Amino acid sequence: MEHKKDRTWFYIINGLIAVLLLIFVLQNRGDATIKYLGITLDGPAFLIYVVLFFLGIFVGWLWTFFHYLKKERRENREHRETREHRETREDAKRGY
């Protein structure tokens, strides 16, 4: 029963997002022009805004992805250095 309740909220939230998106599209049907660094975008305002929105999401995802990779490399390097240090100490105890 709990699973079905969670699914209901999922449909309610998605329905609300769809209604908000429909309102956004209806209010921004006019043409828009965006000029940036010599690039000019002409088209329906809602389409330009949606494309820019998803471009922002993609850039944010890339930022997070590269930050995650950097963190993983640092942790792997620290783990490797700790393991090498431990092996060196054990070899020194054995007299190698």
N, C-alpha and C. Protein backbone atom coordinates (compact mmCIF):
# COMPACT_ATOMS: atom_id res chain seq x y z
N MET A 1 0.82 -1.19 0.00
CA MET A 1 0.00 0.00 0.00
C MET A 1 0.87 1.26 0.00
N GLU A 2 2.00 1.21 0.71
CA GLU A 2 2.90 2.36 0.80
C GLU A 2 3.48 2.70 -0.58
N HIS A 3 3.79 1.67 -1.37
CA HIS A 3 4.37 1.89 -2.69
C HIS A 3 3.39 2.65 -3.58
N LYS A 4 2.12 2.30 -3.54
CA LYS A 4 1.12 2.97 -4.37
C LYS A 4 0.97 4.44 -3.97
N LYS A 5 1.09 4.74 -2.68
CA LYS A 5 0.99 6.11 -2.20
C LYS A 5 2.16 6.94 -2.75
N ASP A 6 3.34 6.38 -2.76
CA ASP A 6 4.50 7.07 -3.31
C ASP A 6 4.31 7.35 -4.80
N ARG A 7 3.72 6.41 -5.51
CA ARG A 7 3.48 6.57 -6.95
C ARG A 7 2.46 7.67 -7.21
N THR A 8 1.49 7.82 -6.33
CA THR A 8 0.49 8.87 -6.48
C THR A 8 1.15 10.24 -6.43
N TRP A 9 2.06 10.44 -5.48
CA TRP A 9 2.77 11.72 -5.40
C TRP A 9 3.60 11.96 -6.65
N PHE A 10 4.16 10.92 -7.19
CA PHE A 10 4.93 11.02 -8.43
C PHE A 10 4.06 11.57 -9.55
N TYR A 11 2.86 11.04 -9.71
CA TYR A 11 1.96 11.50 -10.76
C TYR A 11 1.46 12.92 -10.49
N ILE A 12 1.22 13.26 -9.25
CA ILE A 12 0.77 14.61 -8.90
C ILE A 12 1.86 15.63 -9.23
N ILE A 13 3.08 15.34 -8.85
CA ILE A 13 4.18 16.27 -9.11
C ILE A 13 4.44 16.40 -10.61
N ASN A 14 4.42 15.28 -11.34
CA ASN A 14 4.62 15.34 -12.79
C ASN A 14 3.49 16.09 -13.48
N GLY A 15 2.27 15.91 -13.01
CA GLY A 15 1.13 16.65 -13.57
C GLY A 15 1.27 18.14 -13.32
N LEU A 16 1.72 18.50 -12.12
CA LEU A 16 1.94 19.91 -11.79
C LEU A 16 3.04 20.52 -12.66
N ILE A 17 4.09 19.77 -12.89
CA ILE A 17 5.17 20.24 -13.76
C ILE A 17 4.65 20.44 -15.19
N ALA A 18 3.83 19.51 -15.67
CA ALA A 18 3.27 19.62 -17.01
C ALA A 18 2.38 20.86 -17.14
N VAL A 19 1.56 21.13 -16.13
CA VAL A 19 0.70 22.32 -16.16
C VAL A 19 1.54 23.58 -16.15
N LEU A 20 2.57 23.63 -15.31
CA LEU A 20 3.45 24.80 -15.27
C LEU A 20 4.17 25.00 -16.60
N LEU A 21 4.60 23.92 -17.22
CA LEU A 21 5.26 24.00 -18.52
C LEU A 21 4.29 24.52 -19.57
N LEU A 22 3.05 24.06 -19.55
CA LEU A 22 2.04 24.52 -20.50
C LEU A 22 1.79 26.02 -20.33
N ILE A 23 1.67 26.47 -19.10
CA ILE A 23 1.49 27.90 -18.83
C ILE A 23 2.69 28.69 -19.34
N PHE A 24 3.89 28.19 -19.12
CA PHE A 24 5.11 28.85 -19.59
C PHE A 24 5.10 28.98 -21.11
N VAL A 25 4.76 27.91 -21.81
CA VAL A 25 4.74 27.92 -23.28
C VAL A 25 3.69 28.91 -23.78
N LEU A 26 2.50 28.90 -23.19
CA LEU A 26 1.43 29.79 -23.64
C LEU A 26 1.78 31.26 -23.40
N GLN A 27 2.49 31.56 -22.34
CA GLN A 27 2.85 32.95 -22.04
C GLN A 27 4.05 33.44 -22.83
N ASN A 28 4.81 32.54 -23.42
CA ASN A 28 6.04 32.92 -24.13
C ASN A 28 6.01 32.45 -25.59
N ARG A 29 4.87 32.66 -26.26
CA ARG A 29 4.74 32.23 -27.65
C ARG A 29 5.37 33.21 -28.63
N GLY A 30 5.65 34.39 -28.20
CA GLY A 30 6.22 35.39 -29.10
C GLY A 30 7.64 35.06 -29.50
N ASP A 31 8.12 35.79 -30.51
CA ASP A 31 9.50 35.59 -30.96
C ASP A 31 10.47 36.31 -30.03
N ALA A 32 11.66 35.77 -29.95
CA ALA A 32 12.70 36.37 -29.12
C ALA A 32 14.02 36.30 -29.88
N THR A 33 14.90 37.24 -29.58
CA THR A 33 16.24 37.27 -30.16
C THR A 33 17.23 37.38 -29.02
N ILE A 34 18.21 36.50 -29.03
CA ILE A 34 19.27 36.54 -28.03
C ILE A 34 20.58 36.68 -28.77
N LYS A 35 21.37 37.68 -28.38
CA LYS A 35 22.69 37.90 -28.98
C LYS A 35 23.74 37.72 -27.90
N TYR A 36 24.73 36.85 -28.18
CA TYR A 36 25.78 36.58 -27.21
C TYR A 36 27.05 36.20 -27.96
N LEU A 37 28.10 36.96 -27.75
CA LEU A 37 29.41 36.71 -28.36
C LEU A 37 29.31 36.53 -29.88
N GLY A 38 28.54 37.38 -30.52
CA GLY A 38 28.42 37.32 -31.98
C GLY A 38 27.47 36.26 -32.48
N ILE A 39 26.87 35.50 -31.59
CA ILE A 39 25.90 34.47 -31.98
C ILE A 39 24.51 35.05 -31.76
N THR A 40 23.66 34.93 -32.76
CA THR A 40 22.30 35.43 -32.64
C THR A 40 21.33 34.25 -32.73
N LEU A 41 20.47 34.13 -31.75
CA LEU A 41 19.43 33.10 -31.75
C LEU A 41 18.08 33.78 -31.93
N ASP A 42 17.36 33.38 -32.95
CA ASP A 42 16.01 33.87 -33.20
C ASP A 42 15.06 32.69 -33.16
N GLY A 43 13.90 32.89 -32.57
CA GLY A 43 12.91 31.83 -32.56
C GLY A 43 11.87 32.09 -31.50
N PRO A 44 10.98 31.12 -31.33
CA PRO A 44 9.97 31.26 -30.28
C PRO A 44 10.65 31.37 -28.91
N ALA A 45 10.17 32.29 -28.11
CA ALA A 45 10.80 32.56 -26.81
C ALA A 45 10.86 31.31 -25.95
N PHE A 46 9.75 30.56 -25.89
CA PHE A 46 9.74 29.39 -25.01
C PHE A 46 10.78 28.37 -25.43
N LEU A 47 10.99 28.21 -26.75
CA LEU A 47 11.96 27.24 -27.23
C LEU A 47 13.38 27.66 -26.87
N ILE A 48 13.68 28.93 -27.05
CA ILE A 48 15.01 29.43 -26.69
C ILE A 48 15.26 29.27 -25.20
N TYR A 49 14.26 29.59 -24.38
CA TYR A 49 14.41 29.46 -22.93
C TYR A 49 14.59 28.01 -22.50
N VAL A 50 13.85 27.11 -23.13
CA VAL A 50 13.97 25.69 -22.78
C VAL A 50 15.34 25.16 -23.17
N VAL A 51 15.83 25.55 -24.37
CA VAL A 51 17.16 25.10 -24.81
C VAL A 51 18.23 25.63 -23.85
N LEU A 52 18.13 26.91 -23.48
CA LEU A 52 19.10 27.47 -22.55
C LEU A 52 19.02 26.80 -21.17
N PHE A 53 17.81 26.45 -20.74
CA PHE A 53 17.63 25.76 -19.47
C PHE A 53 18.36 24.42 -19.48
N PHE A 54 18.15 23.63 -20.55
CA PHE A 54 18.80 22.32 -20.61
C PHE A 54 20.31 22.44 -20.82
N LEU A 55 20.74 23.50 -21.49
CA LEU A 55 22.17 23.74 -21.61
C LEU A 55 22.77 24.02 -20.23
N GLY A 56 22.05 24.78 -19.42
CA GLY A 56 22.50 25.04 -18.05
C GLY A 56 22.56 23.78 -17.21
N ILE A 57 21.56 22.91 -17.37
CA ILE A 57 21.57 21.63 -16.64
C ILE A 57 22.78 20.80 -17.07
N PHE A 58 23.06 20.78 -18.37
CA PHE A 58 24.19 20.00 -18.88
C PHE A 58 25.52 20.52 -18.33
N VAL A 59 25.68 21.84 -18.33
CA VAL A 59 26.92 22.44 -17.80
C VAL A 59 27.05 22.13 -16.30
N GLY A 60 25.95 22.22 -15.57
CA GLY A 60 25.99 21.87 -14.14
C GLY A 60 26.35 20.42 -13.93
N TRP A 61 25.81 19.54 -14.77
CA TRP A 61 26.14 18.11 -14.66
C TRP A 61 27.62 17.88 -14.95
N LEU A 62 28.14 18.55 -16.00
CA LEU A 62 29.57 18.41 -16.32
C LEU A 62 30.44 18.86 -15.16
N TRP A 63 30.07 20.00 -14.55
CA TRP A 63 30.82 20.52 -13.42
C TRP A 63 30.85 19.49 -12.30
N THR A 64 29.70 18.92 -11.97
CA THR A 64 29.61 17.92 -10.91
C THR A 64 30.40 16.67 -11.27
N PHE A 65 30.30 16.23 -12.53
CA PHE A 65 30.99 15.03 -12.98
C PHE A 65 32.50 15.18 -12.85
N PHE A 66 33.04 16.32 -13.33
CA PHE A 66 34.49 16.52 -13.25
C PHE A 66 34.95 16.70 -11.81
N HIS A 67 34.13 17.32 -10.98
CA HIS A 67 34.46 17.44 -9.55
C HIS A 67 34.51 16.05 -8.91
N TYR A 68 33.57 15.19 -9.26
CA TYR A 68 33.54 13.82 -8.75
C TYR A 68 34.79 13.05 -9.20
N LEU A 69 35.17 13.21 -10.48
CA LEU A 69 36.36 12.52 -10.97
C LEU A 69 37.61 12.97 -10.22
N LYS A 70 37.71 14.28 -10.00
CA LYS A 70 38.86 14.82 -9.27
C LYS A 70 38.92 14.26 -7.86
N LYS A 71 37.76 14.18 -7.20
CA LYS A 71 37.70 13.65 -5.85
C LYS A 71 38.10 12.17 -5.83
N GLU A 72 37.60 11.40 -6.80
CA GLU A 72 37.94 9.98 -6.87
C GLU A 72 39.45 9.78 -7.08
N ARG A 73 40.04 10.56 -7.98
CA ARG A 73 41.49 10.43 -8.22
C ARG A 73 42.28 10.74 -6.96
N ARG A 74 41.87 11.80 -6.25
CA ARG A 74 42.57 12.17 -5.01
C ARG A 74 42.45 11.05 -3.99
N GLU A 75 41.25 10.50 -3.82
CA GLU A 75 41.07 9.42 -2.85
C GLU A 75 41.86 8.18 -3.24
N ASN A 76 41.89 7.85 -4.53
CA ASN A 76 42.67 6.69 -4.98
C ASN A 76 44.16 6.91 -4.75
N ARG A 77 44.64 8.13 -5.01
CA ARG A 77 46.05 8.44 -4.79
C ARG A 77 46.40 8.33 -3.31
N GLU A 78 45.54 8.88 -2.44
CA GLU A 78 45.78 8.80 -1.00
C GLU A 78 45.76 7.35 -0.52
N HIS A 79 44.83 6.56 -1.06
CA HIS A 79 44.75 5.15 -0.67
C HIS A 79 46.01 4.41 -1.11
N ARG A 80 46.47 4.69 -2.34
CA ARG A 80 47.67 4.03 -2.86
C ARG A 80 48.90 4.43 -2.04
N GLU A 81 49.01 5.74 -1.70
CA GLU A 81 50.15 6.20 -0.91
C GLU A 81 50.13 5.59 0.49
N THR A 82 48.96 5.46 1.09
CA THR A 82 48.84 4.85 2.41
C THR A 82 49.26 3.38 2.36
N ARG A 83 48.80 2.68 1.32
CA ARG A 83 49.14 1.26 1.17
C ARG A 83 50.65 1.09 0.95
N GLU A 84 51.25 1.95 0.11
CA GLU A 84 52.69 1.86 -0.13
C GLU A 84 53.48 2.16 1.14
N HIS A 85 53.02 3.14 1.91
CA HIS A 85 53.69 3.49 3.16
C HIS A 85 53.61 2.31 4.14
N ARG A 86 52.45 1.68 4.22
CA ARG A 86 52.27 0.54 5.12
C ARG A 86 53.17 -0.62 4.69
N GLU A 87 53.25 -0.89 3.37
CA GLU A 87 54.11 -1.97 2.88
C GLU A 87 55.58 -1.68 3.16
N THR A 88 55.99 -0.42 3.04
CA THR A 88 57.37 -0.04 3.32
C THR A 88 57.69 -0.27 4.79
N ARG A 89 56.77 0.09 5.68
CA ARG A 89 56.99 -0.14 7.12
C ARG A 89 57.08 -1.62 7.44
N GLU A 90 56.20 -2.43 6.82
CA GLU A 90 56.24 -3.87 7.07
C GLU A 90 57.53 -4.48 6.56
N ASP A 91 58.02 -4.03 5.40
CA ASP A 91 59.29 -4.52 4.87
C ASP A 91 60.44 -4.13 5.81
N ALA A 92 60.39 -2.94 6.37
CA ALA A 92 61.45 -2.48 7.28
C ALA A 92 61.45 -3.33 8.55
N LYS A 93 60.28 -3.72 9.02
CA LYS A 93 60.20 -4.57 10.23
C LYS A 93 60.78 -5.95 9.96
N ARG A 94 60.58 -6.44 8.75
CA ARG A 94 61.09 -7.77 8.40
C ARG A 94 62.58 -7.75 8.10
N GLY A 95 63.10 -6.55 7.86
CA GLY A 95 64.54 -6.46 7.61
C GLY A 95 64.90 -6.52 6.14
N TYR A 96 63.97 -6.23 5.27
CA TYR A 96 64.27 -6.24 3.82
C TYR A 96 64.94 -4.99 3.41
